[in-house]
N, C-alpha and C. Protein backbone atom coordinates (compact mmCIF):
# COMPACT_ATOMS: atom_id res chain seq x y z
N MET A 1 1.59 -3.61 10.85
CA MET A 1 1.28 -3.89 12.23
C MET A 1 0.88 -5.35 12.45
N LEU A 2 0.38 -5.99 11.40
CA LEU A 2 0.01 -7.39 11.55
C LEU A 2 1.21 -8.25 11.91
N PHE A 3 2.41 -7.79 11.55
CA PHE A 3 3.62 -8.50 11.94
C PHE A 3 3.72 -8.58 13.46
N ALA A 4 3.15 -7.58 14.15
CA ALA A 4 3.29 -7.47 15.60
C ALA A 4 2.20 -8.21 16.36
N LEU A 5 1.33 -8.98 15.68
CA LEU A 5 0.23 -9.65 16.37
C LEU A 5 0.72 -10.65 17.41
N GLY A 6 1.93 -11.14 17.24
CA GLY A 6 2.50 -12.05 18.23
C GLY A 6 2.78 -11.38 19.55
N GLU A 7 2.87 -10.06 19.54
CA GLU A 7 3.07 -9.26 20.76
C GLU A 7 1.89 -8.31 20.89
N PRO A 8 0.82 -8.73 21.56
CA PRO A 8 -0.41 -7.91 21.61
C PRO A 8 -0.20 -6.50 22.15
N VAL A 9 0.68 -6.34 23.12
CA VAL A 9 0.94 -4.99 23.66
C VAL A 9 1.60 -4.12 22.60
N ALA A 10 2.55 -4.67 21.89
CA ALA A 10 3.21 -3.92 20.83
C ALA A 10 2.21 -3.57 19.73
N PHE A 11 1.37 -4.53 19.37
CA PHE A 11 0.36 -4.28 18.35
C PHE A 11 -0.56 -3.13 18.74
N ALA A 12 -1.05 -3.16 19.98
CA ALA A 12 -1.94 -2.09 20.46
C ALA A 12 -1.23 -0.74 20.48
N ALA A 13 0.03 -0.74 20.90
CA ALA A 13 0.78 0.51 20.96
C ALA A 13 1.04 1.07 19.57
N LEU A 14 1.30 0.20 18.60
CA LEU A 14 1.53 0.66 17.23
C LEU A 14 0.25 1.20 16.60
N VAL A 15 -0.87 0.55 16.88
CA VAL A 15 -2.16 1.09 16.43
C VAL A 15 -2.38 2.46 17.05
N GLY A 16 -2.08 2.58 18.34
CA GLY A 16 -2.20 3.87 19.00
C GLY A 16 -1.30 4.92 18.39
N ALA A 17 -0.07 4.54 18.04
CA ALA A 17 0.87 5.48 17.42
C ALA A 17 0.34 5.97 16.07
N PHE A 18 -0.24 5.06 15.29
CA PHE A 18 -0.81 5.46 14.00
C PHE A 18 -1.96 6.44 14.19
N LEU A 19 -2.84 6.18 15.14
CA LEU A 19 -3.97 7.07 15.40
C LEU A 19 -3.50 8.42 15.93
N ILE A 20 -2.50 8.40 16.81
CA ILE A 20 -1.94 9.66 17.32
C ILE A 20 -1.28 10.44 16.19
N GLY A 21 -0.61 9.71 15.29
CA GLY A 21 0.01 10.37 14.13
C GLY A 21 -1.03 11.07 13.27
N LEU A 22 -2.14 10.40 13.02
CA LEU A 22 -3.22 11.02 12.26
C LEU A 22 -3.73 12.28 12.95
N LEU A 23 -3.89 12.20 14.27
CA LEU A 23 -4.38 13.34 15.04
C LEU A 23 -3.40 14.50 15.01
N LEU A 24 -2.13 14.22 15.28
CA LEU A 24 -1.11 15.27 15.28
C LEU A 24 -1.00 15.92 13.91
N ARG A 25 -1.01 15.10 12.87
CA ARG A 25 -0.90 15.63 11.51
C ARG A 25 -2.04 16.58 11.20
N ALA A 26 -3.26 16.15 11.52
CA ALA A 26 -4.43 16.98 11.22
C ALA A 26 -4.37 18.31 11.97
N LEU A 27 -4.06 18.25 13.26
CA LEU A 27 -4.00 19.48 14.06
C LEU A 27 -2.89 20.40 13.57
N ALA A 28 -1.70 19.83 13.32
CA ALA A 28 -0.56 20.65 12.92
C ALA A 28 -0.82 21.34 11.58
N ILE A 29 -1.40 20.62 10.63
CA ILE A 29 -1.66 21.21 9.31
C ILE A 29 -2.68 22.33 9.42
N ARG A 30 -3.75 22.10 10.14
CA ARG A 30 -4.82 23.12 10.21
C ARG A 30 -4.39 24.33 11.04
N ILE A 31 -3.67 24.09 12.12
CA ILE A 31 -3.20 25.21 12.94
C ILE A 31 -2.18 26.04 12.16
N THR A 32 -1.29 25.37 11.43
CA THR A 32 -0.30 26.09 10.63
C THR A 32 -0.97 26.89 9.52
N ALA A 33 -1.93 26.27 8.83
CA ALA A 33 -2.64 26.98 7.75
C ALA A 33 -3.37 28.20 8.29
N ARG A 34 -3.96 28.07 9.46
CA ARG A 34 -4.66 29.21 10.05
C ARG A 34 -3.67 30.28 10.48
N ALA A 35 -2.56 29.87 11.11
CA ALA A 35 -1.57 30.84 11.58
C ALA A 35 -0.95 31.62 10.42
N LEU A 36 -0.79 30.96 9.28
CA LEU A 36 -0.18 31.60 8.11
C LEU A 36 -1.23 32.25 7.21
N ARG A 37 -2.47 32.26 7.67
CA ARG A 37 -3.59 32.89 6.94
C ARG A 37 -3.80 32.27 5.55
N LEU A 38 -3.66 30.96 5.52
CA LEU A 38 -3.90 30.23 4.28
C LEU A 38 -5.21 29.45 4.36
N SER A 39 -5.96 29.65 5.42
CA SER A 39 -7.26 29.01 5.55
C SER A 39 -8.22 29.97 6.24
N ASP A 40 -9.47 29.71 6.09
CA ASP A 40 -10.51 30.52 6.74
C ASP A 40 -10.47 30.30 8.24
N ARG A 41 -10.42 31.38 9.01
CA ARG A 41 -10.35 31.26 10.47
C ARG A 41 -11.60 30.62 11.06
N ARG A 42 -12.66 30.58 10.28
CA ARG A 42 -13.88 29.95 10.78
C ARG A 42 -13.85 28.44 10.62
N ASP A 43 -12.89 27.92 9.84
CA ASP A 43 -12.79 26.48 9.67
C ASP A 43 -12.30 25.83 10.96
N PRO A 44 -12.94 24.78 11.42
CA PRO A 44 -12.48 24.11 12.66
C PRO A 44 -11.14 23.43 12.45
N VAL A 45 -10.36 23.36 13.51
CA VAL A 45 -9.06 22.70 13.43
C VAL A 45 -9.13 21.27 13.97
N SER A 46 -10.25 20.89 14.53
CA SER A 46 -10.38 19.57 15.12
C SER A 46 -10.34 18.49 14.03
N PRO A 47 -9.83 17.31 14.37
CA PRO A 47 -9.76 16.22 13.40
C PRO A 47 -11.15 15.81 12.92
N ARG A 48 -11.18 15.37 11.66
CA ARG A 48 -12.44 14.92 11.05
C ARG A 48 -12.16 13.62 10.30
N LEU A 49 -12.93 12.60 10.68
CA LEU A 49 -12.64 11.24 10.21
C LEU A 49 -12.54 11.16 8.69
N ARG A 50 -13.52 11.69 7.98
CA ARG A 50 -13.54 11.56 6.52
C ARG A 50 -12.40 12.31 5.85
N GLU A 51 -11.96 13.40 6.47
CA GLU A 51 -10.94 14.24 5.86
C GLU A 51 -9.52 13.87 6.28
N ASP A 52 -9.39 13.05 7.30
CA ASP A 52 -8.06 12.78 7.85
C ASP A 52 -7.60 11.33 7.69
N VAL A 53 -8.53 10.42 7.50
CA VAL A 53 -8.16 9.00 7.40
C VAL A 53 -8.23 8.55 5.95
N ASP A 54 -7.14 8.01 5.47
CA ASP A 54 -7.08 7.43 4.13
C ASP A 54 -7.22 5.91 4.28
N PRO A 55 -8.25 5.30 3.69
CA PRO A 55 -8.41 3.85 3.83
C PRO A 55 -7.19 3.06 3.35
N PHE A 56 -6.57 3.54 2.26
CA PHE A 56 -5.37 2.86 1.77
C PHE A 56 -4.21 3.04 2.74
N GLY A 57 -4.13 4.20 3.36
CA GLY A 57 -3.10 4.43 4.37
C GLY A 57 -3.28 3.51 5.56
N ALA A 58 -4.53 3.26 5.95
CA ALA A 58 -4.81 2.36 7.05
C ALA A 58 -4.43 0.92 6.68
N VAL A 59 -4.71 0.53 5.43
CA VAL A 59 -4.31 -0.80 4.95
C VAL A 59 -2.79 -0.93 4.97
N ALA A 60 -2.11 0.11 4.53
CA ALA A 60 -0.65 0.08 4.53
C ALA A 60 -0.11 -0.07 5.95
N ALA A 61 -0.73 0.63 6.91
CA ALA A 61 -0.29 0.52 8.30
C ALA A 61 -0.47 -0.91 8.81
N ALA A 62 -1.59 -1.53 8.44
CA ALA A 62 -1.87 -2.89 8.90
C ALA A 62 -0.91 -3.90 8.28
N VAL A 63 -0.63 -3.75 7.00
CA VAL A 63 0.15 -4.75 6.27
C VAL A 63 1.65 -4.45 6.29
N GLY A 64 2.01 -3.18 6.05
CA GLY A 64 3.41 -2.84 5.89
C GLY A 64 4.09 -2.30 7.12
N GLY A 65 3.33 -2.02 8.17
CA GLY A 65 3.95 -1.53 9.39
C GLY A 65 3.60 -0.10 9.72
N MET A 66 3.39 0.73 8.70
CA MET A 66 3.01 2.13 8.94
C MET A 66 2.30 2.66 7.70
N GLY A 67 1.40 3.63 7.93
CA GLY A 67 0.62 4.18 6.83
C GLY A 67 0.63 5.69 6.81
N TRP A 68 -0.35 6.26 6.16
CA TRP A 68 -0.39 7.71 5.97
C TRP A 68 -1.81 8.24 6.13
N GLY A 69 -1.94 9.55 6.24
CA GLY A 69 -3.24 10.19 6.36
C GLY A 69 -3.79 10.58 5.00
N LYS A 70 -4.99 11.14 5.02
CA LYS A 70 -5.68 11.53 3.78
C LYS A 70 -4.86 12.59 3.03
N SER A 71 -4.71 12.38 1.74
CA SER A 71 -3.94 13.30 0.91
C SER A 71 -4.59 14.67 0.84
N ILE A 72 -3.74 15.70 0.87
CA ILE A 72 -4.19 17.08 0.69
C ILE A 72 -3.75 17.53 -0.70
N SER A 73 -4.68 17.91 -1.54
CA SER A 73 -4.33 18.35 -2.88
C SER A 73 -3.55 19.66 -2.81
N VAL A 74 -2.58 19.79 -3.70
CA VAL A 74 -1.79 21.03 -3.72
C VAL A 74 -2.66 22.22 -4.12
N ASP A 75 -3.80 21.96 -4.74
CA ASP A 75 -4.72 23.04 -5.11
C ASP A 75 -5.42 23.64 -3.89
N GLU A 76 -5.43 22.90 -2.78
CA GLU A 76 -6.13 23.36 -1.58
C GLU A 76 -5.29 24.34 -0.76
N VAL A 77 -4.00 24.41 -1.04
CA VAL A 77 -3.11 25.29 -0.27
C VAL A 77 -2.60 26.39 -1.20
N PRO A 78 -3.11 27.61 -1.06
CA PRO A 78 -2.73 28.69 -1.98
C PRO A 78 -1.25 29.05 -1.88
N ARG A 79 -0.65 29.33 -3.05
CA ARG A 79 0.78 29.69 -3.12
C ARG A 79 1.00 31.18 -3.31
N HIS A 80 -0.08 31.96 -3.49
CA HIS A 80 0.10 33.37 -3.85
C HIS A 80 0.66 34.20 -2.71
N GLN A 81 0.61 33.68 -1.46
CA GLN A 81 1.18 34.41 -0.33
C GLN A 81 2.60 33.94 0.00
N GLY A 82 3.15 33.12 -0.85
CA GLY A 82 4.52 32.67 -0.64
C GLY A 82 4.64 31.17 -0.71
N ARG A 83 5.65 30.72 -1.45
CA ARG A 83 5.86 29.28 -1.57
C ARG A 83 6.25 28.66 -0.24
N GLY A 84 7.02 29.40 0.56
CA GLY A 84 7.44 28.88 1.86
C GLY A 84 6.27 28.62 2.78
N ARG A 85 5.29 29.50 2.75
CA ARG A 85 4.10 29.30 3.59
C ARG A 85 3.34 28.05 3.18
N ALA A 86 3.17 27.89 1.88
CA ALA A 86 2.45 26.70 1.40
C ALA A 86 3.20 25.42 1.77
N ALA A 87 4.51 25.43 1.57
CA ALA A 87 5.32 24.26 1.91
C ALA A 87 5.25 23.97 3.40
N ALA A 88 5.20 25.02 4.23
CA ALA A 88 5.15 24.85 5.68
C ALA A 88 3.88 24.13 6.11
N VAL A 89 2.79 24.38 5.41
CA VAL A 89 1.53 23.70 5.75
C VAL A 89 1.67 22.20 5.54
N PHE A 90 2.25 21.81 4.40
CA PHE A 90 2.42 20.37 4.13
C PHE A 90 3.44 19.75 5.08
N ALA A 91 4.45 20.51 5.47
CA ALA A 91 5.50 19.96 6.33
C ALA A 91 5.08 19.87 7.79
N ALA A 92 4.08 20.65 8.17
CA ALA A 92 3.73 20.77 9.59
C ALA A 92 3.37 19.42 10.22
N GLY A 93 2.55 18.63 9.53
CA GLY A 93 2.12 17.35 10.08
C GLY A 93 3.26 16.37 10.30
N PRO A 94 4.04 16.05 9.26
CA PRO A 94 5.16 15.13 9.45
C PRO A 94 6.17 15.62 10.48
N VAL A 95 6.50 16.91 10.45
CA VAL A 95 7.48 17.44 11.39
C VAL A 95 6.97 17.33 12.82
N ALA A 96 5.69 17.61 13.04
CA ALA A 96 5.11 17.49 14.38
C ALA A 96 5.25 16.06 14.91
N CYS A 97 5.00 15.09 14.05
CA CYS A 97 5.11 13.70 14.47
C CYS A 97 6.54 13.32 14.80
N VAL A 98 7.48 13.76 13.98
CA VAL A 98 8.89 13.46 14.24
C VAL A 98 9.35 14.12 15.53
N LEU A 99 8.94 15.35 15.77
CA LEU A 99 9.34 16.05 17.00
C LEU A 99 8.78 15.37 18.24
N VAL A 100 7.52 14.98 18.20
CA VAL A 100 6.94 14.29 19.35
C VAL A 100 7.64 12.95 19.57
N SER A 101 8.00 12.29 18.49
CA SER A 101 8.72 11.02 18.64
C SER A 101 10.05 11.23 19.33
N GLN A 102 10.71 12.35 19.08
CA GLN A 102 11.99 12.61 19.74
C GLN A 102 11.82 12.84 21.23
N VAL A 103 10.73 13.47 21.61
CA VAL A 103 10.42 13.63 23.04
C VAL A 103 10.24 12.25 23.68
N LEU A 104 9.54 11.37 22.99
CA LEU A 104 9.32 10.02 23.51
C LEU A 104 10.63 9.23 23.57
N PHE A 105 11.48 9.39 22.55
CA PHE A 105 12.78 8.73 22.60
C PHE A 105 13.62 9.25 23.76
N ALA A 106 13.56 10.55 24.02
CA ALA A 106 14.29 11.11 25.16
C ALA A 106 13.79 10.51 26.47
N ALA A 107 12.47 10.36 26.58
CA ALA A 107 11.90 9.74 27.78
C ALA A 107 12.34 8.28 27.89
N TYR A 108 12.35 7.59 26.76
CA TYR A 108 12.77 6.19 26.76
C TYR A 108 14.23 6.05 27.18
N ALA A 109 15.10 6.88 26.59
CA ALA A 109 16.53 6.80 26.92
C ALA A 109 16.79 7.14 28.38
N THR A 110 15.95 8.01 28.95
CA THR A 110 16.12 8.38 30.36
C THR A 110 15.61 7.28 31.29
N LEU A 111 14.46 6.72 30.96
CA LEU A 111 13.84 5.71 31.83
C LEU A 111 14.47 4.33 31.68
N TYR A 112 14.94 4.04 30.46
CA TYR A 112 15.48 2.71 30.19
C TYR A 112 16.84 2.82 29.52
N PRO A 113 17.84 3.30 30.25
CA PRO A 113 19.18 3.46 29.65
C PRO A 113 19.76 2.09 29.28
N GLY A 114 20.51 2.08 28.20
CA GLY A 114 21.11 0.84 27.74
C GLY A 114 21.54 0.97 26.30
N PHE A 115 21.84 -0.16 25.69
CA PHE A 115 22.38 -0.16 24.32
C PHE A 115 21.34 -0.51 23.27
N LEU A 116 20.08 -0.73 23.67
CA LEU A 116 19.09 -1.27 22.75
C LEU A 116 18.91 -0.41 21.51
N LEU A 117 18.82 0.90 21.69
CA LEU A 117 18.59 1.79 20.55
C LEU A 117 19.80 1.86 19.62
N SER A 118 20.93 1.37 20.07
CA SER A 118 22.12 1.38 19.22
C SER A 118 22.19 0.16 18.31
N VAL A 119 21.28 -0.79 18.51
CA VAL A 119 21.29 -1.99 17.66
C VAL A 119 19.96 -2.23 16.96
N LEU A 120 18.87 -1.64 17.47
CA LEU A 120 17.57 -1.86 16.85
C LEU A 120 17.39 -1.06 15.57
N HIS A 121 16.55 -1.58 14.68
CA HIS A 121 16.08 -0.84 13.52
C HIS A 121 14.58 -0.59 13.69
N PRO A 122 14.04 0.44 13.05
CA PRO A 122 12.60 0.67 13.16
C PRO A 122 11.76 -0.56 12.83
N SER A 123 12.17 -1.33 11.82
CA SER A 123 11.38 -2.50 11.43
C SER A 123 11.31 -3.54 12.54
N ASP A 124 12.35 -3.62 13.39
CA ASP A 124 12.31 -4.56 14.50
C ASP A 124 11.15 -4.24 15.44
N VAL A 125 10.94 -2.96 15.68
CA VAL A 125 9.86 -2.53 16.57
C VAL A 125 8.51 -2.68 15.88
N LEU A 126 8.44 -2.32 14.60
CA LEU A 126 7.18 -2.42 13.88
C LEU A 126 6.72 -3.86 13.71
N ARG A 127 7.64 -4.78 13.83
CA ARG A 127 7.29 -6.20 13.72
C ARG A 127 6.85 -6.78 15.07
N GLY A 128 7.03 -6.03 16.14
CA GLY A 128 6.66 -6.52 17.46
C GLY A 128 7.85 -7.08 18.20
N PHE A 129 8.47 -6.25 19.03
CA PHE A 129 9.70 -6.63 19.73
C PHE A 129 9.35 -6.87 21.20
N ALA A 130 9.71 -8.04 21.72
CA ALA A 130 9.33 -8.41 23.08
C ALA A 130 10.15 -7.62 24.11
N LEU A 131 9.43 -6.89 24.97
CA LEU A 131 10.05 -6.09 26.02
C LEU A 131 9.07 -6.04 27.19
N PRO A 132 9.54 -5.62 28.37
CA PRO A 132 8.60 -5.37 29.47
C PRO A 132 7.54 -4.36 29.07
N LEU A 133 6.39 -4.43 29.70
CA LEU A 133 5.21 -3.69 29.29
C LEU A 133 5.45 -2.20 29.05
N GLY A 134 5.89 -1.47 30.06
CA GLY A 134 6.06 -0.02 29.93
C GLY A 134 7.10 0.34 28.88
N GLU A 135 8.19 -0.40 28.85
CA GLU A 135 9.25 -0.14 27.88
C GLU A 135 8.76 -0.40 26.46
N GLN A 136 8.00 -1.46 26.29
CA GLN A 136 7.49 -1.80 24.97
C GLN A 136 6.52 -0.75 24.44
N VAL A 137 5.62 -0.28 25.31
CA VAL A 137 4.64 0.73 24.89
C VAL A 137 5.34 2.01 24.49
N LEU A 138 6.27 2.48 25.30
CA LEU A 138 6.95 3.73 25.02
C LEU A 138 7.77 3.64 23.74
N LEU A 139 8.48 2.54 23.55
CA LEU A 139 9.30 2.38 22.35
C LEU A 139 8.44 2.28 21.10
N CYS A 140 7.32 1.57 21.19
CA CYS A 140 6.44 1.43 20.02
C CYS A 140 5.81 2.77 19.65
N LEU A 141 5.41 3.55 20.65
CA LEU A 141 4.85 4.87 20.36
C LEU A 141 5.89 5.76 19.69
N ALA A 142 7.13 5.73 20.21
CA ALA A 142 8.18 6.57 19.66
C ALA A 142 8.51 6.18 18.21
N VAL A 143 8.70 4.89 17.98
CA VAL A 143 9.05 4.43 16.63
C VAL A 143 7.86 4.59 15.68
N GLY A 144 6.65 4.34 16.18
CA GLY A 144 5.47 4.49 15.34
C GLY A 144 5.29 5.92 14.86
N LEU A 145 5.43 6.89 15.75
CA LEU A 145 5.30 8.29 15.35
C LEU A 145 6.45 8.72 14.45
N LEU A 146 7.65 8.24 14.74
CA LEU A 146 8.80 8.57 13.89
C LEU A 146 8.58 8.08 12.46
N THR A 147 8.18 6.83 12.32
CA THR A 147 8.00 6.28 10.97
C THR A 147 6.80 6.89 10.26
N PHE A 148 5.75 7.24 11.01
CA PHE A 148 4.61 7.93 10.40
C PHE A 148 5.07 9.25 9.79
N GLY A 149 5.87 10.02 10.56
CA GLY A 149 6.34 11.31 10.06
C GLY A 149 7.31 11.18 8.91
N LEU A 150 8.24 10.24 9.00
CA LEU A 150 9.24 10.07 7.94
C LEU A 150 8.61 9.57 6.65
N LEU A 151 7.67 8.66 6.77
CA LEU A 151 6.97 8.17 5.57
C LEU A 151 6.25 9.31 4.86
N ALA A 152 5.60 10.17 5.65
CA ALA A 152 4.85 11.28 5.06
C ALA A 152 5.73 12.26 4.31
N LEU A 153 7.01 12.30 4.63
CA LEU A 153 7.92 13.26 3.98
C LEU A 153 8.43 12.78 2.63
N ILE A 154 8.17 11.54 2.26
CA ILE A 154 8.60 11.05 0.95
C ILE A 154 7.85 11.81 -0.13
N PRO A 155 8.55 12.38 -1.12
CA PRO A 155 7.90 13.31 -2.07
C PRO A 155 7.17 12.67 -3.24
N ILE A 156 6.20 11.83 -2.94
CA ILE A 156 5.32 11.33 -4.00
C ILE A 156 3.88 11.39 -3.48
N PRO A 157 2.92 11.67 -4.37
CA PRO A 157 1.52 11.60 -3.95
C PRO A 157 1.20 10.16 -3.52
N PRO A 158 0.41 9.95 -2.49
CA PRO A 158 -0.44 10.90 -1.77
C PRO A 158 0.21 11.47 -0.51
N LEU A 159 1.52 11.40 -0.39
CA LEU A 159 2.20 11.79 0.84
C LEU A 159 2.46 13.29 0.87
N ASP A 160 2.62 13.82 2.09
CA ASP A 160 2.79 15.26 2.25
C ASP A 160 4.07 15.78 1.62
N GLY A 161 5.06 14.91 1.48
CA GLY A 161 6.32 15.34 0.89
C GLY A 161 6.15 15.88 -0.52
N PHE A 162 5.17 15.35 -1.25
CA PHE A 162 4.93 15.86 -2.60
C PHE A 162 4.42 17.29 -2.53
N GLY A 163 3.56 17.58 -1.57
CA GLY A 163 3.07 18.95 -1.40
C GLY A 163 4.19 19.92 -1.07
N ILE A 164 5.15 19.46 -0.26
CA ILE A 164 6.31 20.31 0.06
C ILE A 164 7.11 20.59 -1.20
N LEU A 165 7.40 19.53 -1.96
CA LEU A 165 8.19 19.68 -3.19
C LEU A 165 7.47 20.57 -4.20
N TRP A 166 6.19 20.37 -4.39
CA TRP A 166 5.41 21.16 -5.34
C TRP A 166 5.38 22.63 -4.94
N SER A 167 5.12 22.87 -3.67
CA SER A 167 4.99 24.25 -3.18
C SER A 167 6.31 25.00 -3.22
N ALA A 168 7.41 24.29 -3.08
CA ALA A 168 8.72 24.94 -3.04
C ALA A 168 9.18 25.43 -4.41
N GLN A 169 8.58 24.93 -5.48
CA GLN A 169 9.00 25.31 -6.83
C GLN A 169 8.29 26.59 -7.28
N ARG A 170 9.05 27.44 -7.96
CA ARG A 170 8.47 28.68 -8.45
C ARG A 170 7.35 28.41 -9.45
N ARG A 171 7.60 27.49 -10.34
CA ARG A 171 6.60 27.11 -11.33
C ARG A 171 6.82 25.65 -11.69
N PRO A 172 6.02 24.75 -11.12
CA PRO A 172 6.19 23.32 -11.42
C PRO A 172 6.21 23.05 -12.92
N GLY A 173 7.26 22.36 -13.37
CA GLY A 173 7.44 22.11 -14.79
C GLY A 173 6.65 20.93 -15.29
N PRO A 174 6.84 20.60 -16.58
CA PRO A 174 6.10 19.48 -17.20
C PRO A 174 6.32 18.16 -16.47
N GLY A 175 7.55 17.94 -15.97
CA GLY A 175 7.82 16.69 -15.27
C GLY A 175 6.98 16.56 -14.01
N MET A 176 6.89 17.64 -13.25
CA MET A 176 6.08 17.62 -12.04
C MET A 176 4.60 17.49 -12.38
N GLN A 177 4.18 18.16 -13.43
CA GLN A 177 2.79 18.07 -13.85
C GLN A 177 2.44 16.63 -14.23
N LYS A 178 3.35 16.00 -14.96
CA LYS A 178 3.11 14.62 -15.38
C LYS A 178 3.11 13.68 -14.18
N MET A 179 4.03 13.93 -13.24
CA MET A 179 4.07 13.11 -12.03
C MET A 179 2.77 13.24 -11.24
N ARG A 180 2.27 14.47 -11.16
CA ARG A 180 1.01 14.68 -10.45
C ARG A 180 -0.14 13.96 -11.16
N LEU A 181 -0.16 14.04 -12.48
CA LEU A 181 -1.21 13.39 -13.24
C LEU A 181 -1.25 11.90 -12.95
N TRP A 182 -0.09 11.26 -13.04
CA TRP A 182 -0.06 9.81 -12.90
C TRP A 182 -0.14 9.36 -11.45
N PHE A 183 0.62 10.00 -10.58
CA PHE A 183 0.70 9.53 -9.19
C PHE A 183 -0.47 9.98 -8.34
N GLU A 184 -1.06 11.15 -8.66
CA GLU A 184 -2.18 11.64 -7.86
C GLU A 184 -3.51 11.37 -8.55
N ASP A 185 -3.68 11.89 -9.74
CA ASP A 185 -4.98 11.76 -10.42
C ASP A 185 -5.30 10.32 -10.80
N LYS A 186 -4.28 9.57 -11.19
CA LYS A 186 -4.51 8.17 -11.60
C LYS A 186 -4.16 7.18 -10.49
N ASN A 187 -3.82 7.71 -9.31
CA ASN A 187 -3.59 6.89 -8.10
C ASN A 187 -2.44 5.89 -8.23
N ILE A 188 -1.49 6.19 -9.10
CA ILE A 188 -0.33 5.31 -9.22
C ILE A 188 0.51 5.36 -7.95
N GLY A 189 0.54 6.52 -7.31
CA GLY A 189 1.32 6.66 -6.08
C GLY A 189 0.82 5.72 -4.99
N VAL A 190 -0.49 5.63 -4.84
CA VAL A 190 -1.07 4.71 -3.85
C VAL A 190 -0.71 3.27 -4.20
N LEU A 191 -0.79 2.94 -5.50
CA LEU A 191 -0.48 1.58 -5.94
C LEU A 191 0.98 1.23 -5.63
N VAL A 192 1.89 2.16 -5.93
CA VAL A 192 3.32 1.91 -5.66
C VAL A 192 3.54 1.68 -4.17
N LEU A 193 2.93 2.51 -3.34
CA LEU A 193 3.11 2.37 -1.90
C LEU A 193 2.54 1.05 -1.38
N LEU A 194 1.39 0.66 -1.90
CA LEU A 194 0.80 -0.61 -1.45
C LEU A 194 1.64 -1.80 -1.89
N VAL A 195 2.20 -1.73 -3.09
CA VAL A 195 3.10 -2.80 -3.54
C VAL A 195 4.30 -2.89 -2.60
N CYS A 196 4.82 -1.73 -2.21
CA CYS A 196 5.96 -1.70 -1.28
C CYS A 196 5.59 -2.27 0.09
N CYS A 197 4.31 -2.23 0.44
CA CYS A 197 3.86 -2.79 1.72
C CYS A 197 3.78 -4.31 1.69
N PHE A 198 3.51 -4.88 0.53
CA PHE A 198 3.27 -6.31 0.43
C PHE A 198 4.49 -7.12 0.02
N PHE A 199 5.41 -6.54 -0.72
CA PHE A 199 6.51 -7.32 -1.30
C PHE A 199 7.87 -6.73 -0.94
N PRO A 200 8.88 -7.60 -0.77
CA PRO A 200 8.75 -9.04 -0.52
C PRO A 200 8.11 -9.28 0.85
N PHE A 201 7.39 -10.38 1.00
CA PHE A 201 6.51 -10.55 2.15
C PHE A 201 7.25 -10.52 3.48
N GLN A 202 8.39 -11.18 3.57
CA GLN A 202 9.09 -11.26 4.84
C GLN A 202 9.71 -9.94 5.28
N TYR A 203 10.08 -9.12 4.32
CA TYR A 203 10.71 -7.83 4.64
C TYR A 203 10.34 -6.84 3.55
N PRO A 204 9.10 -6.30 3.62
CA PRO A 204 8.59 -5.44 2.53
C PRO A 204 9.48 -4.23 2.27
N PHE A 205 9.43 -3.74 1.04
CA PHE A 205 10.21 -2.58 0.65
C PHE A 205 9.93 -1.38 1.57
N LEU A 206 8.69 -1.26 2.03
CA LEU A 206 8.35 -0.13 2.90
C LEU A 206 9.16 -0.18 4.18
N LEU A 207 9.34 -1.36 4.75
CA LEU A 207 10.15 -1.48 5.95
C LEU A 207 11.61 -1.17 5.66
N MET A 208 12.09 -1.56 4.48
CA MET A 208 13.46 -1.23 4.10
C MET A 208 13.65 0.28 4.06
N ILE A 209 12.66 0.97 3.47
CA ILE A 209 12.73 2.42 3.35
C ILE A 209 12.69 3.08 4.72
N LEU A 210 11.79 2.61 5.58
CA LEU A 210 11.67 3.19 6.92
C LEU A 210 12.92 2.91 7.75
N ASP A 211 13.54 1.76 7.56
CA ASP A 211 14.81 1.48 8.24
C ASP A 211 15.89 2.46 7.80
N ALA A 212 15.98 2.67 6.48
CA ALA A 212 17.00 3.58 5.94
C ALA A 212 16.80 5.01 6.45
N LEU A 213 15.53 5.44 6.52
CA LEU A 213 15.25 6.81 6.94
C LEU A 213 15.31 6.99 8.45
N GLY A 214 14.97 5.95 9.19
CA GLY A 214 14.79 6.12 10.62
C GLY A 214 15.90 5.63 11.52
N VAL A 215 16.81 4.82 10.99
CA VAL A 215 17.81 4.21 11.87
C VAL A 215 18.69 5.25 12.55
N LEU A 216 19.00 6.34 11.87
CA LEU A 216 19.86 7.37 12.47
C LEU A 216 19.20 7.98 13.70
N PHE A 217 17.89 8.15 13.67
CA PHE A 217 17.19 8.72 14.82
C PHE A 217 17.31 7.81 16.04
N LEU A 218 17.28 6.50 15.81
CA LEU A 218 17.46 5.57 16.93
C LEU A 218 18.89 5.61 17.45
N ARG A 219 19.84 5.70 16.52
CA ARG A 219 21.24 5.69 16.93
C ARG A 219 21.60 6.93 17.76
N VAL A 220 20.97 8.06 17.45
CA VAL A 220 21.24 9.28 18.20
C VAL A 220 20.94 9.08 19.69
N TRP A 221 19.86 8.33 19.98
CA TRP A 221 19.47 8.11 21.37
C TRP A 221 20.12 6.87 21.96
N GLY A 222 20.85 6.09 21.11
CA GLY A 222 21.51 4.91 21.62
C GLY A 222 22.85 5.21 22.24
């Protein structure tokens, strides 16, 4: 997001998108876990700062353009009632963000018809793209939520995609166990993601990944 400091409106909208992403993720995960009876019904579903915000994810959002929420250990989501249910809990947050982003893209395409979405990449917006006020806010919110959701689906700890991958397996093998040990317990996953946020400085690997994952969503509405 620091790339967008030259466009204060875009910067504010991207910060808002990150915070909304955290909120949507937390609500979707807890509501899904409760609906599937994988959590205590007495547990509140409201967002909680300590449980939902990852400081490293916030740093990644500031430096690399987008970040992630607090990691949920695969041990916290029981698999004995079905692997699909457990995987659905991890998928709920990212999917909710992607779906809301599509609603915003639909609104953008309706209010501001044109060819812009057919040529832009997510990184262009995350870097701060100059547009009229309303158009800029709507586009930044849409792209911000899209990239938040897509990033979370990457299957490495601390991202939700790893929980989906782990839960979907009948019995995680030695390779998955070793990956969990190094990437989750030893925080190598966080280190890899932060490196991707910083290097190369002009066009970090994280932005390359988000462009590759997200460009099709923009083209659909272009």
